[in-house]
């Protein structure tokens, strides 16, 4: 097993040797080949998050919203159970 020291522990000359490169960087012809092979060095656009998820990052907003949802869910559950029981009996 070959030991490879961490890249951050090497001096500049050792990094150049280790990575088979030079301080001057790539030649124009090499850069063209790599651009065609790998594409541009760009990050993709991040996906858009829904407004609800964006607000979810706001902790104070969540602390107010969660009890409100729980409270209203209780009313909705009570209403639905009343409607269901009414339909069963009548």
N, C-alpha and C. Protein backbone atom coordinates (compact mmCIF):
# COMPACT_ATOMS: atom_id res chain seq x y z
N UNK A 1 0.85 -1.18 0.00
CA UNK A 1 0.00 0.00 0.00
C UNK A 1 0.89 1.24 0.00
N UNK A 2 0.61 2.14 -0.93
CA UNK A 2 1.41 3.36 -1.05
C UNK A 2 0.83 4.45 -0.17
N UNK A 3 1.71 5.10 0.58
CA UNK A 3 1.28 6.21 1.44
C UNK A 3 1.34 7.50 0.64
N UNK A 4 0.24 8.23 0.66
CA UNK A 4 0.19 9.55 0.02
C UNK A 4 -0.10 10.58 1.10
N UNK A 5 0.84 11.50 1.32
CA UNK A 5 0.59 12.52 2.34
C UNK A 5 -0.56 13.43 1.91
N UNK A 6 -1.26 14.03 2.87
CA UNK A 6 -2.35 14.95 2.52
C UNK A 6 -1.82 16.09 1.65
N UNK A 7 -2.61 16.48 0.66
CA UNK A 7 -2.18 17.50 -0.30
C UNK A 7 -1.83 18.82 0.39
N UNK A 8 -2.54 19.15 1.47
CA UNK A 8 -2.28 20.42 2.16
C UNK A 8 -0.94 20.43 2.89
N UNK A 9 -0.34 19.25 3.09
CA UNK A 9 0.94 19.20 3.80
C UNK A 9 2.13 19.31 2.85
N UNK A 10 1.89 19.34 1.55
CA UNK A 10 2.97 19.40 0.56
C UNK A 10 3.32 20.84 0.22
N UNK A 11 4.58 21.05 -0.16
CA UNK A 11 4.95 22.39 -0.65
C UNK A 11 4.56 22.48 -2.12
N UNK A 12 4.69 23.65 -2.72
CA UNK A 12 4.21 23.90 -4.08
C UNK A 12 4.84 22.94 -5.09
N UNK A 13 6.14 22.74 -5.03
CA UNK A 13 6.81 21.86 -6.00
C UNK A 13 6.29 20.43 -5.89
N UNK A 14 6.05 19.96 -4.68
CA UNK A 14 5.53 18.60 -4.48
C UNK A 14 4.11 18.48 -5.04
N UNK A 15 3.32 19.53 -4.89
CA UNK A 15 1.96 19.52 -5.44
C UNK A 15 2.03 19.44 -6.96
N UNK A 16 2.89 20.23 -7.59
CA UNK A 16 3.03 20.20 -9.04
C UNK A 16 3.40 18.80 -9.52
N UNK A 17 4.35 18.17 -8.83
CA UNK A 17 4.76 16.82 -9.20
C UNK A 17 3.62 15.82 -8.97
N UNK A 18 2.97 15.93 -7.83
CA UNK A 18 1.90 15.01 -7.46
C UNK A 18 0.73 15.09 -8.43
N UNK A 19 0.40 16.29 -8.87
CA UNK A 19 -0.76 16.50 -9.72
C UNK A 19 -0.41 16.58 -11.21
N UNK A 20 0.86 16.38 -11.55
CA UNK A 20 1.34 16.44 -12.93
C UNK A 20 0.92 17.75 -13.60
N UNK A 21 1.26 18.83 -12.96
CA UNK A 21 0.94 20.16 -13.48
C UNK A 21 2.11 21.10 -13.25
N UNK A 22 1.92 22.38 -13.53
CA UNK A 22 2.97 23.37 -13.34
C UNK A 22 2.33 24.68 -12.91
N UNK A 23 3.15 25.59 -12.44
CA UNK A 23 2.65 26.88 -11.96
C UNK A 23 1.99 27.67 -13.09
N UNK A 24 2.39 27.41 -14.32
CA UNK A 24 1.84 28.14 -15.46
C UNK A 24 0.44 27.67 -15.82
N UNK A 25 0.03 26.51 -15.33
CA UNK A 25 -1.30 25.99 -15.64
C UNK A 25 -1.31 25.26 -16.97
N UNK A 26 -2.48 25.06 -17.53
CA UNK A 26 -2.63 24.32 -18.77
C UNK A 26 -2.26 25.18 -19.98
N UNK A 27 -1.76 24.51 -20.99
CA UNK A 27 -1.56 25.18 -22.28
C UNK A 27 -2.94 25.40 -22.89
N UNK A 28 -3.06 26.34 -23.80
CA UNK A 28 -4.35 26.64 -24.43
C UNK A 28 -4.95 25.41 -25.10
N UNK A 29 -4.11 24.62 -25.75
CA UNK A 29 -4.62 23.42 -26.43
C UNK A 29 -5.15 22.41 -25.41
N UNK A 30 -4.47 22.24 -24.28
CA UNK A 30 -4.94 21.34 -23.23
C UNK A 30 -6.26 21.84 -22.65
N UNK A 31 -6.35 23.15 -22.44
CA UNK A 31 -7.57 23.74 -21.88
C UNK A 31 -8.75 23.51 -22.82
N UNK A 32 -8.53 23.63 -24.13
CA UNK A 32 -9.59 23.40 -25.11
C UNK A 32 -10.09 21.97 -25.07
N UNK A 33 -9.13 21.03 -25.00
CA UNK A 33 -9.49 19.60 -24.95
C UNK A 33 -10.31 19.32 -23.70
N UNK A 34 -9.87 19.82 -22.55
CA UNK A 34 -10.58 19.56 -21.29
C UNK A 34 -11.95 20.24 -21.27
N UNK A 35 -12.06 21.41 -21.87
CA UNK A 35 -13.35 22.10 -21.94
C UNK A 35 -14.33 21.27 -22.76
N UNK A 36 -13.86 20.72 -23.88
CA UNK A 36 -14.73 19.87 -24.70
C UNK A 36 -15.07 18.57 -23.97
N UNK A 37 -14.09 18.03 -23.25
CA UNK A 37 -14.29 16.75 -22.58
C UNK A 37 -15.20 16.87 -21.36
N UNK A 38 -14.98 17.88 -20.52
CA UNK A 38 -15.69 17.98 -19.24
C UNK A 38 -16.72 19.10 -19.20
N UNK A 39 -16.69 20.01 -20.15
CA UNK A 39 -17.61 21.14 -20.13
C UNK A 39 -17.07 22.27 -19.27
N UNK A 40 -17.83 23.35 -19.20
CA UNK A 40 -17.42 24.54 -18.44
C UNK A 40 -17.44 24.24 -16.95
N UNK A 41 -16.61 24.91 -16.21
CA UNK A 41 -16.52 24.72 -14.76
C UNK A 41 -17.56 25.63 -14.10
N UNK A 42 -18.83 25.19 -14.19
CA UNK A 42 -19.94 25.97 -13.65
C UNK A 42 -20.82 25.09 -12.79
N UNK A 43 -21.38 25.68 -11.77
CA UNK A 43 -22.33 24.97 -10.93
C UNK A 43 -23.73 25.09 -11.53
N UNK A 44 -24.56 24.06 -11.41
CA UNK A 44 -25.93 24.17 -11.90
C UNK A 44 -26.73 25.11 -11.01
N UNK A 45 -27.81 25.64 -11.57
CA UNK A 45 -28.69 26.50 -10.79
C UNK A 45 -29.33 25.66 -9.69
N UNK A 46 -29.38 26.17 -8.46
CA UNK A 46 -30.03 25.40 -7.40
C UNK A 46 -31.53 25.32 -7.65
N UNK A 47 -32.16 24.22 -7.23
CA UNK A 47 -33.61 24.11 -7.43
C UNK A 47 -34.34 25.15 -6.59
N UNK A 48 -35.47 25.61 -7.11
CA UNK A 48 -36.27 26.60 -6.38
C UNK A 48 -37.02 25.90 -5.26
N UNK A 49 -37.00 26.49 -4.09
CA UNK A 49 -37.73 25.93 -2.95
C UNK A 49 -39.07 26.63 -2.81
N UNK A 50 -40.06 25.89 -2.35
CA UNK A 50 -41.38 26.48 -2.19
C UNK A 50 -41.34 27.55 -1.09
N UNK A 51 -42.30 28.43 -1.13
CA UNK A 51 -42.37 29.51 -0.15
C UNK A 51 -42.49 28.94 1.26
N UNK A 52 -43.25 27.85 1.40
CA UNK A 52 -43.41 27.24 2.72
C UNK A 52 -42.08 26.73 3.25
N UNK A 53 -41.29 26.08 2.39
CA UNK A 53 -39.97 25.59 2.83
C UNK A 53 -39.04 26.75 3.13
N UNK A 54 -39.12 27.82 2.36
CA UNK A 54 -38.28 28.97 2.64
C UNK A 54 -38.62 29.56 4.00
N UNK A 55 -39.91 29.63 4.31
CA UNK A 55 -40.33 30.15 5.60
C UNK A 55 -39.95 29.20 6.72
N UNK A 56 -39.83 27.90 6.39
CA UNK A 56 -39.46 26.91 7.38
C UNK A 56 -38.08 27.16 7.96
N UNK A 57 -37.25 27.88 7.22
CA UNK A 57 -35.92 28.21 7.73
C UNK A 57 -35.98 29.26 8.83
N UNK A 58 -37.08 29.98 8.90
CA UNK A 58 -37.24 31.02 9.90
C UNK A 58 -37.82 30.37 11.16
N UNK A 59 -36.99 30.15 12.15
CA UNK A 59 -37.39 29.41 13.34
C UNK A 59 -38.53 30.09 14.10
N UNK A 60 -38.50 31.39 14.20
CA UNK A 60 -39.56 32.10 14.91
C UNK A 60 -40.90 31.90 14.21
N UNK A 61 -40.88 31.91 12.89
CA UNK A 61 -42.09 31.69 12.11
C UNK A 61 -42.63 30.29 12.38
N UNK A 62 -41.74 29.29 12.42
CA UNK A 62 -42.17 27.90 12.68
C UNK A 62 -42.76 27.77 14.07
N UNK A 63 -42.18 28.43 15.02
CA UNK A 63 -42.67 28.31 16.39
C UNK A 63 -44.09 28.87 16.51
N UNK A 64 -44.44 29.82 15.67
CA UNK A 64 -45.80 30.36 15.68
C UNK A 64 -46.73 29.52 14.80
N UNK A 65 -46.21 29.00 13.71
CA UNK A 65 -47.03 28.30 12.73
C UNK A 65 -47.45 26.91 13.20
N UNK A 66 -46.57 26.17 13.82
CA UNK A 66 -46.86 24.78 14.21
C UNK A 66 -48.04 24.69 15.18
N UNK A 67 -48.07 25.47 16.26
CA UNK A 67 -49.26 25.38 17.13
C UNK A 67 -50.54 25.78 16.42
N UNK A 68 -50.47 26.74 15.52
CA UNK A 68 -51.64 27.16 14.76
C UNK A 68 -52.16 26.01 13.89
N UNK A 69 -51.26 25.30 13.25
CA UNK A 69 -51.66 24.15 12.42
C UNK A 69 -52.28 23.07 13.30
N UNK A 70 -51.64 22.79 14.43
CA UNK A 70 -52.18 21.76 15.33
C UNK A 70 -53.58 22.13 15.82
N UNK A 71 -53.76 23.39 16.19
CA UNK A 71 -55.06 23.84 16.69
C UNK A 71 -56.12 23.71 15.61
N UNK A 72 -55.82 24.15 14.41
CA UNK A 72 -56.79 24.09 13.33
C UNK A 72 -57.03 22.67 12.86
N UNK A 73 -56.02 21.82 12.95
CA UNK A 73 -56.20 20.43 12.59
C UNK A 73 -57.19 19.77 13.55
N UNK A 74 -57.14 20.15 14.81
CA UNK A 74 -58.09 19.63 15.78
C UNK A 74 -59.51 20.00 15.42
N UNK A 75 -59.74 21.25 15.00
CA UNK A 75 -61.08 21.68 14.58
C UNK A 75 -61.52 20.92 13.33
N UNK A 76 -60.61 20.74 12.39
CA UNK A 76 -60.92 20.02 11.16
C UNK A 76 -61.28 18.57 11.47
N UNK A 77 -60.53 17.95 12.37
CA UNK A 77 -60.80 16.57 12.76
C UNK A 77 -62.17 16.47 13.43
N UNK A 78 -62.48 17.40 14.31
CA UNK A 78 -63.78 17.41 14.99
C UNK A 78 -64.91 17.59 13.98
N UNK A 79 -64.74 18.52 13.05
CA UNK A 79 -65.75 18.77 12.03
C UNK A 79 -65.98 17.53 11.17
N UNK A 80 -64.89 16.90 10.71
CA UNK A 80 -65.01 15.71 9.85
C UNK A 80 -65.68 14.56 10.60
N UNK A 81 -65.32 14.37 11.84
CA UNK A 81 -65.93 13.28 12.60
C UNK A 81 -67.42 13.56 12.83
N UNK A 82 -67.79 14.83 13.01
CA UNK A 82 -69.21 15.18 13.17
C UNK A 82 -69.99 14.91 11.90
N UNK A 83 -69.43 15.27 10.76
CA UNK A 83 -70.09 15.05 9.48
C UNK A 83 -70.23 13.55 9.22
N UNK A 84 -69.18 12.80 9.51
CA UNK A 84 -69.23 11.35 9.28
C UNK A 84 -70.28 10.71 10.20
N UNK A 85 -70.28 11.08 11.46
CA UNK A 85 -71.25 10.48 12.37
C UNK A 85 -72.67 10.91 12.00
N UNK A 86 -72.87 12.13 11.52
CA UNK A 86 -74.18 12.59 11.10
C UNK A 86 -74.66 11.75 9.92
N UNK A 87 -73.78 11.48 8.97
CA UNK A 87 -74.14 10.67 7.80
C UNK A 87 -74.46 9.23 8.19
N UNK A 88 -73.83 8.72 9.19
CA UNK A 88 -74.06 7.34 9.61
C UNK A 88 -75.43 7.21 10.26
N UNK A 89 -75.78 8.18 11.12
CA UNK A 89 -77.03 8.09 11.87
C UNK A 89 -78.25 8.58 11.10
N UNK A 90 -78.09 9.40 10.10
CA UNK A 90 -79.24 9.98 9.40
C UNK A 90 -79.26 9.60 7.95
